[in-house]
Each structure stands twice: as C-alpha cells, then as structure tokens.
Amino acid sequence: MLNVFGPNISTAEGSEWQRQRKLTATPFNEQKSTLTWRESLRQAGDMVDTWLPDTNGSARSTSEDTRTLVLHVLA
C-alpha cells in the first residue's frame, strides 16, 4: 500500500533507502522542526479560538479543520 507512488523512505531498502534518506534529510532538520512546531502551535491556537465562540451546539467537521490546519502550517 505504501508503494502506490513508487519507492519511498518508508518502503525502500539498501541503496535505494540511502538515496531516499539523502533526499529527505535536508528539509527535515532541527531548525525547521522547531519552526514547524511553533507554527503548528500558533495555528492550532487560532483554530481553537474559532471553536470557542461557536456556542450554538452545531457539530464541526474535525477532518476539515485538521486539513485546513495542516495546509496552513505547510504554507
């Protein structure tokens, strides 16, 4: 199932895994992880702030809210 789009770091082995690891190492470093974490916290706080005033009892789509949160963090 994980190979739907071809080999990746989760499914590759040996030299192919080493190649995949090298490709993904640059974007995943401590500095970028810290930035992403801080932005995730800020965006999640903003999302909660939109939920709090909603007192009419209507159900929210957490999948839609989560997708929006992820897209905002990645942008």
PDB file of N, CA and C in Angstrom:
ATOM      1  N   MET A   1       0.820  -1.197   0.000  1.00  0.00           N
ATOM      2  CA  MET A   1       0.000   0.000   0.000  1.00  0.00           C
ATOM      3  C   MET A   1       0.862   1.258   0.000  1.00  0.00           C
ATOM      4  N   LEU A   2       1.981   1.241   0.710  1.00  0.00           N
ATOM      5  CA  LEU A   2       2.829   2.428   0.788  1.00  0.00           C
ATOM      6  C   LEU A   2       3.610   2.689  -0.494  1.00  0.00           C
ATOM      7  N   ASN A   3       3.672   1.716  -1.384  1.00  0.00           N
ATOM      8  CA  ASN A   3       4.400   1.888  -2.644  1.00  0.00           C
ATOM      9  C   ASN A   3       3.512   2.362  -3.788  1.00  0.00           C
ATOM     10  N   VAL A   4       2.353   2.885  -3.499  1.00  0.00           N
ATOM     11  CA  VAL A   4       1.427   3.314  -4.544  1.00  0.00           C
ATOM     12  C   VAL A   4       2.107   4.277  -5.511  1.00  0.00           C
ATOM     13  N   PHE A   5       2.895   5.202  -4.991  1.00  0.00           N
ATOM     14  CA  PHE A   5       3.569   6.189  -5.831  1.00  0.00           C
ATOM     15  C   PHE A   5       5.038   5.842  -6.063  1.00  0.00           C
ATOM     16  N   GLY A   6       5.413   4.609  -5.835  1.00  0.00           N
ATOM     17  CA  GLY A   6       6.786   4.175  -6.045  1.00  0.00           C
ATOM     18  C   GLY A   6       7.552   4.071  -4.743  1.00  0.00           C
ATOM     19  N   PRO A   7       8.825   3.700  -4.843  1.00  0.00           N
ATOM     20  CA  PRO A   7       9.643   3.537  -3.642  1.00  0.00           C
ATOM     21  C   PRO A   7       9.729   4.837  -2.844  1.00  0.00           C
ATOM     22  N   ASN A   8       9.757   4.703  -1.546  1.00  0.00           N
ATOM     23  CA  ASN A   8       9.900   5.873  -0.676  1.00  0.00           C
ATOM     24  C   ASN A   8      10.685   5.462   0.557  1.00  0.00           C
ATOM     25  N   ILE A   9      10.993   6.415   1.394  1.00  0.00           N
ATOM     26  CA  ILE A   9      11.846   6.137   2.554  1.00  0.00           C
ATOM     27  C   ILE A   9      11.220   5.112   3.499  1.00  0.00           C
ATOM     28  N   SER A  10       9.906   4.992   3.482  1.00  0.00           N
ATOM     29  CA  SER A  10       9.237   4.032   4.364  1.00  0.00           C
ATOM     30  C   SER A  10       9.315   2.603   3.847  1.00  0.00           C
ATOM     31  N   THR A  11       9.511   2.439   2.542  1.00  0.00           N
ATOM     32  CA  THR A  11       9.456   1.097   1.966  1.00  0.00           C
ATOM     33  C   THR A  11      10.751   0.647   1.305  1.00  0.00           C
ATOM     34  N   ALA A  12      11.641   1.562   1.008  1.00  0.00           N
ATOM     35  CA  ALA A  12      12.879   1.212   0.299  1.00  0.00           C
ATOM     36  C   ALA A  12      13.867   0.516   1.229  1.00  0.00           C
ATOM     37  N   GLU A  13      14.784  -0.207   0.625  1.00  0.00           N
ATOM     38  CA  GLU A  13      15.834  -0.896   1.376  1.00  0.00           C
ATOM     39  C   GLU A  13      17.169  -0.690   0.682  1.00  0.00           C
ATOM     40  N   GLY A  14      18.245  -0.893   1.429  1.00  0.00           N
ATOM     41  CA  GLY A  14      19.590  -0.857   0.863  1.00  0.00           C
ATOM     42  C   GLY A  14      19.950   0.481   0.251  1.00  0.00           C
ATOM     43  N   SER A  15      20.527   0.423  -0.954  1.00  0.00           N
ATOM     44  CA  SER A  15      20.996   1.648  -1.613  1.00  0.00           C
ATOM     45  C   SER A  15      19.838   2.576  -1.975  1.00  0.00           C
ATOM     46  N   GLU A  16      18.681   2.005  -2.289  1.00  0.00           N
ATOM     47  CA  GLU A  16      17.511   2.849  -2.585  1.00  0.00           C
ATOM     48  C   GLU A  16      17.075   3.606  -1.335  1.00  0.00           C
ATOM     49  N   TRP A  17      17.116   2.960  -0.176  1.00  0.00           N
ATOM     50  CA  TRP A  17      16.785   3.642   1.078  1.00  0.00           C
ATOM     51  C   TRP A  17      17.777   4.772   1.341  1.00  0.00           C
ATOM     52  N   GLN A  18      19.064   4.515   1.113  1.00  0.00           N
ATOM     53  CA  GLN A  18      20.082   5.551   1.321  1.00  0.00           C
ATOM     54  C   GLN A  18      19.823   6.755   0.417  1.00  0.00           C
ATOM     55  N   ARG A  19      19.439   6.502  -0.818  1.00  0.00           N
ATOM     56  CA  ARG A  19      19.123   7.592  -1.745  1.00  0.00           C
ATOM     57  C   ARG A  19      17.912   8.379  -1.259  1.00  0.00           C
ATOM     58  N   GLN A  20      16.864   7.668  -0.842  1.00  0.00           N
ATOM     59  CA  GLN A  20      15.661   8.328  -0.330  1.00  0.00           C
ATOM     60  C   GLN A  20      15.978   9.132   0.927  1.00  0.00           C
ATOM     61  N   ARG A  21      16.789   8.579   1.805  1.00  0.00           N
ATOM     62  CA  ARG A  21      17.167   9.256   3.053  1.00  0.00           C
ATOM     63  C   ARG A  21      17.918  10.545   2.767  1.00  0.00           C
ATOM     64  N   LYS A  22      18.827  10.495   1.807  1.00  0.00           N
ATOM     65  CA  LYS A  22      19.597  11.684   1.435  1.00  0.00           C
ATOM     66  C   LYS A  22      18.676  12.772   0.877  1.00  0.00           C
ATOM     67  N   LEU A  23      17.684  12.374   0.089  1.00  0.00           N
ATOM     68  CA  LEU A  23      16.741  13.339  -0.480  1.00  0.00           C
ATOM     69  C   LEU A  23      15.893  14.017   0.591  1.00  0.00           C
ATOM     70  N   THR A  24      15.550  13.280   1.632  1.00  0.00           N
ATOM     71  CA  THR A  24      14.662  13.838   2.658  1.00  0.00           C
ATOM     72  C   THR A  24      15.394  14.468   3.828  1.00  0.00           C
ATOM     73  N   ALA A  25      16.694  14.290   3.928  1.00  0.00           N
ATOM     74  CA  ALA A  25      17.444  14.798   5.085  1.00  0.00           C
ATOM     75  C   ALA A  25      17.446  16.319   5.155  1.00  0.00           C
ATOM     76  N   THR A  26      17.611  16.999   4.041  1.00  0.00           N
ATOM     77  CA  THR A  26      17.716  18.460   4.043  1.00  0.00           C
ATOM     78  C   THR A  26      16.473  19.147   4.597  1.00  0.00           C
ATOM     79  N   PRO A  27      15.280  18.793   4.145  1.00  0.00           N
ATOM     80  CA  PRO A  27      14.115  19.508   4.679  1.00  0.00           C
ATOM     81  C   PRO A  27      13.782  19.171   6.131  1.00  0.00           C
ATOM     82  N   PHE A  28      14.281  18.061   6.637  1.00  0.00           N
ATOM     83  CA  PHE A  28      13.955  17.649   8.000  1.00  0.00           C
ATOM     84  C   PHE A  28      15.167  17.824   8.903  1.00  0.00           C
ATOM     85  N   ASN A  29      15.362  19.045   9.378  1.00  0.00           N
ATOM     86  CA  ASN A  29      16.455  19.309  10.306  1.00  0.00           C
ATOM     87  C   ASN A  29      15.897  19.985  11.558  1.00  0.00           C
ATOM     88  N   GLU A  30      16.713  20.134  12.570  1.00  0.00           N
ATOM     89  CA  GLU A  30      16.257  20.654  13.868  1.00  0.00           C
ATOM     90  C   GLU A  30      15.673  22.057  13.757  1.00  0.00           C
ATOM     91  N   GLN A  31      16.307  22.919  12.985  1.00  0.00           N
ATOM     92  CA  GLN A  31      15.829  24.297  12.846  1.00  0.00           C
ATOM     93  C   GLN A  31      14.437  24.331  12.216  1.00  0.00           C
ATOM     94  N   LYS A  32      14.235  23.557  11.168  1.00  0.00           N
ATOM     95  CA  LYS A  32      12.931  23.546  10.510  1.00  0.00           C
ATOM     96  C   LYS A  32      11.884  22.846  11.360  1.00  0.00           C
ATOM     97  N   SER A  33      12.295  21.852  12.119  1.00  0.00           N
ATOM     98  CA  SER A  33      11.356  21.179  13.020  1.00  0.00           C
ATOM     99  C   SER A  33      10.860  22.141  14.095  1.00  0.00           C
ATOM    100  N   THR A  34      11.759  22.956  14.632  1.00  0.00           N
ATOM    101  CA  THR A  34      11.379  23.941  15.647  1.00  0.00           C
ATOM    102  C   THR A  34      10.415  24.961  15.060  1.00  0.00           C
ATOM    103  N   LEU A  35      10.721  25.461  13.880  1.00  0.00           N
ATOM    104  CA  LEU A  35       9.844  26.425  13.217  1.00  0.00           C
ATOM    105  C   LEU A  35       8.471  25.815  12.954  1.00  0.00           C
ATOM    106  N   THR A  36       8.457  24.581  12.454  1.00  0.00           N
ATOM    107  CA  THR A  36       7.192  23.908  12.160  1.00  0.00           C
ATOM    108  C   THR A  36       6.382  23.684  13.433  1.00  0.00           C
ATOM    109  N   TRP A  37       7.037  23.303  14.522  1.00  0.00           N
ATOM    110  CA  TRP A  37       6.348  23.084  15.791  1.00  0.00           C
ATOM    111  C   TRP A  37       5.717  24.378  16.289  1.00  0.00           C
ATOM    112  N   ARG A  38       6.466  25.470  16.267  1.00  0.00           N
ATOM    113  CA  ARG A  38       5.935  26.764  16.733  1.00  0.00           C
ATOM    114  C   ARG A  38       4.749  27.210  15.881  1.00  0.00           C
ATOM    115  N   GLU A  39       4.872  27.051  14.581  1.00  0.00           N
ATOM    116  CA  GLU A  39       3.775  27.441  13.694  1.00  0.00           C
ATOM    117  C   GLU A  39       2.565  26.536  13.908  1.00  0.00           C
ATOM    118  N   SER A  40       2.793  25.253  14.149  1.00  0.00           N
ATOM    119  CA  SER A  40       1.691  24.328  14.432  1.00  0.00           C
ATOM    120  C   SER A  40       0.941  24.747  15.687  1.00  0.00           C
ATOM    121  N   LEU A  41       1.674  25.116  16.728  1.00  0.00           N
ATOM    122  CA  LEU A  41       1.036  25.576  17.969  1.00  0.00           C
ATOM    123  C   LEU A  41       0.223  26.841  17.737  1.00  0.00           C
ATOM    124  N   ARG A  42       0.784  27.781  16.983  1.00  0.00           N
ATOM    125  CA  ARG A  42       0.076  29.034  16.706  1.00  0.00           C
ATOM    126  C   ARG A  42      -1.200  28.772  15.905  1.00  0.00           C
ATOM    127  N   GLN A  43      -1.076  27.961  14.871  1.00  0.00           N
ATOM    128  CA  GLN A  43      -2.234  27.655  14.034  1.00  0.00           C
ATOM    129  C   GLN A  43      -3.302  26.874  14.812  1.00  0.00           C
ATOM    130  N   ALA A  44      -2.880  25.939  15.652  1.00  0.00           N
ATOM    131  CA  ALA A  44      -3.838  25.181  16.465  1.00  0.00           C
ATOM    132  C   ALA A  44      -4.556  26.105  17.440  1.00  0.00           C
ATOM    133  N   GLY A  45      -3.826  27.043  18.030  1.00  0.00           N
ATOM    134  CA  GLY A  45      -4.451  28.028  18.916  1.00  0.00           C
ATOM    135  C   GLY A  45      -5.484  28.861  18.184  1.00  0.00           C
ATOM    136  N   ASP A  46      -5.159  29.272  16.960  1.00  0.00           N
ATOM    137  CA  ASP A  46      -6.122  30.029  16.152  1.00  0.00           C
ATOM    138  C   ASP A  46      -7.356  29.188  15.848  1.00  0.00           C
ATOM    139  N   MET A  47      -7.159  27.898  15.593  1.00  0.00           N
ATOM    140  CA  MET A  47      -8.284  27.020  15.303  1.00  0.00           C
ATOM    141  C   MET A  47      -9.187  26.887  16.531  1.00  0.00           C
ATOM    142  N   VAL A  48      -8.598  26.705  17.696  1.00  0.00           N
ATOM    143  CA  VAL A  48      -9.380  26.606  18.934  1.00  0.00           C
ATOM    144  C   VAL A  48     -10.137  27.910  19.178  1.00  0.00           C
ATOM    145  N   ASP A  49      -9.506  29.037  18.884  1.00  0.00           N
ATOM    146  CA  ASP A  49     -10.174  30.329  19.055  1.00  0.00           C
ATOM    147  C   ASP A  49     -11.422  30.443  18.189  1.00  0.00           C
ATOM    148  N   THR A  50     -11.435  29.778  17.036  1.00  0.00           N
ATOM    149  CA  THR A  50     -12.645  29.811  16.199  1.00  0.00           C
ATOM    150  C   THR A  50     -13.719  28.878  16.751  1.00  0.00           C
ATOM    151  N   TRP A  51     -13.316  27.852  17.500  1.00  0.00           N
ATOM    152  CA  TRP A  51     -14.287  26.926  18.075  1.00  0.00           C
ATOM    153  C   TRP A  51     -14.984  27.504  19.293  1.00  0.00           C
ATOM    154  N   LEU A  52     -14.268  28.245  20.123  1.00  0.00           N
ATOM    155  CA  LEU A  52     -14.809  28.697  21.407  1.00  0.00           C
ATOM    156  C   LEU A  52     -16.065  29.548  21.280  1.00  0.00           C
ATOM    157  N   PRO A  53     -16.115  30.521  20.363  1.00  0.00           N
ATOM    158  CA  PRO A  53     -17.334  31.330  20.284  1.00  0.00           C
ATOM    159  C   PRO A  53     -18.533  30.578  19.716  1.00  0.00           C
ATOM    160  N   ASP A  54     -18.314  29.408  19.138  1.00  0.00           N
ATOM    161  CA  ASP A  54     -19.374  28.637  18.499  1.00  0.00           C
ATOM    162  C   ASP A  54     -20.186  27.909  19.566  1.00  0.00           C
ATOM    163  N   THR A  55     -21.165  28.589  20.124  1.00  0.00           N
ATOM    164  CA  THR A  55     -21.949  28.025  21.228  1.00  0.00           C
ATOM    165  C   THR A  55     -23.329  27.542  20.791  1.00  0.00           C
ATOM    166  N   ASN A  56     -23.573  27.489  19.483  1.00  0.00           N
ATOM    167  CA  ASN A  56     -24.905  27.077  19.031  1.00  0.00           C
ATOM    168  C   ASN A  56     -25.092  25.560  19.053  1.00  0.00           C
ATOM    169  N   GLY A  57     -24.062  24.822  19.432  1.00  0.00           N
ATOM    170  CA  GLY A  57     -24.182  23.376  19.578  1.00  0.00           C
ATOM    171  C   GLY A  57     -24.049  22.598  18.290  1.00  0.00           C
ATOM    172  N   SER A  58     -23.738  23.265  17.196  1.00  0.00           N
ATOM    173  CA  SER A  58     -23.608  22.536  15.934  1.00  0.00           C
ATOM    174  C   SER A  58     -22.299  21.740  15.912  1.00  0.00           C
ATOM    175  N   ALA A  59     -22.346  20.623  15.230  1.00  0.00           N
ATOM    176  CA  ALA A  59     -21.157  19.774  15.117  1.00  0.00           C
ATOM    177  C   ALA A  59     -20.211  20.360  14.076  1.00  0.00           C
ATOM    178  N   ARG A  60     -18.928  20.267  14.357  1.00  0.00           N
ATOM    179  CA  ARG A  60     -17.914  20.762  13.427  1.00  0.00           C
ATOM    180  C   ARG A  60     -17.263  19.577  12.731  1.00  0.00           C
ATOM    181  N   SER A  61     -16.736  19.830  11.572  1.00  0.00           N
ATOM    182  CA  SER A  61     -16.008  18.803  10.832  1.00  0.00           C
ATOM    183  C   SER A  61     -14.545  18.849  11.247  1.00  0.00           C
ATOM    184  N   THR A  62     -14.156  17.934  12.132  1.00  0.00           N
ATOM    185  CA  THR A  62     -12.761  17.941  12.572  1.00  0.00           C
ATOM    186  C   THR A  62     -11.819  17.562  11.435  1.00  0.00           C
ATOM    187  N   SER A  63     -12.279  16.726  10.505  1.00  0.00           N
ATOM    188  CA  SER A  63     -11.404  16.376   9.382  1.00  0.00           C
ATOM    189  C   SER A  63     -11.140  17.599   8.509  1.00  0.00           C
ATOM    190  N   GLU A  64     -12.151  18.404   8.289  1.00  0.00           N
ATOM    191  CA  GLU A  64     -11.970  19.633   7.507  1.00  0.00           C
ATOM    192  C   GLU A  64     -11.074  20.620   8.254  1.00  0.00           C
ATOM    193  N   ASP A  65     -11.304  20.780   9.549  1.00  0.00           N
ATOM    194  CA  ASP A  65     -10.482  21.690  10.351  1.00  0.00           C
ATOM    195  C   ASP A  65      -9.032  21.222  10.408  1.00  0.00           C
ATOM    196  N   THR A  66      -8.823  19.916  10.540  1.00  0.00           N
ATOM    197  CA  THR A  66      -7.467  19.376  10.592  1.00  0.00           C
ATOM    198  C   THR A  66      -6.760  19.558   9.256  1.00  0.00           C
ATOM    199  N   ARG A  67      -7.468  19.324   8.170  1.00  0.00           N
ATOM    200  CA  ARG A  67      -6.881  19.524   6.845  1.00  0.00           C
ATOM    201  C   ARG A  67      -6.472  20.985   6.659  1.00  0.00           C
ATOM    202  N   THR A  68      -7.329  21.899   7.075  1.00  0.00           N
ATOM    203  CA  THR A  68      -7.009  23.323   6.988  1.00  0.00           C
ATOM    204  C   THR A  68      -5.795  23.656   7.839  1.00  0.00           C
ATOM    205  N   LEU A  69      -5.741  23.110   9.050  1.00  0.00           N
ATOM    206  CA  LEU A  69      -4.599  23.336   9.938  1.00  0.00           C
ATOM    207  C   LEU A  69      -3.298  22.877   9.274  1.00  0.00           C
ATOM    208  N   VAL A  70      -3.295  21.685   8.724  1.00  0.00           N
ATOM    209  CA  VAL A  70      -2.088  21.144   8.086  1.00  0.00           C
ATOM    210  C   VAL A  70      -1.671  22.005   6.897  1.00  0.00           C
ATOM    211  N   LEU A  71      -2.628  22.392   6.071  1.00  0.00           N
ATOM    212  CA  LEU A  71      -2.292  23.224   4.912  1.00  0.00           C
ATOM    213  C   LEU A  71      -1.740  24.579   5.333  1.00  0.00           C
ATOM    214  N   HIS A  72      -2.285  25.154   6.389  1.00  0.00           N
ATOM    215  CA  HIS A  72      -1.774  26.439   6.879  1.00  0.00           C
ATOM    216  C   HIS A  72      -0.357  26.300   7.421  1.00  0.00           C
ATOM    217  N   VAL A  73      -0.076  25.226   8.121  1.00  0.00           N
ATOM    218  CA  VAL A  73       1.278  25.017   8.659  1.00  0.00           C
ATOM    219  C   VAL A  73       2.266  24.810   7.517  1.00  0.00           C
ATOM    220  N   LEU A  74       1.897  24.006   6.537  1.00  0.00           N
ATOM    221  CA  LEU A  74       2.806  23.728   5.426  1.00  0.00           C
ATOM    222  C   LEU A  74       3.028  24.935   4.526  1.00  0.00           C
ATOM    223  N   ALA A  75       2.041  25.817   4.475  1.00  0.00           N
ATOM    224  CA  ALA A  75       2.185  27.020   3.632  1.00  0.00           C
ATOM    225  C   ALA A  75       3.159  27.943   4.285  1.00  0.00           C
TER     226      ALA A  75
END
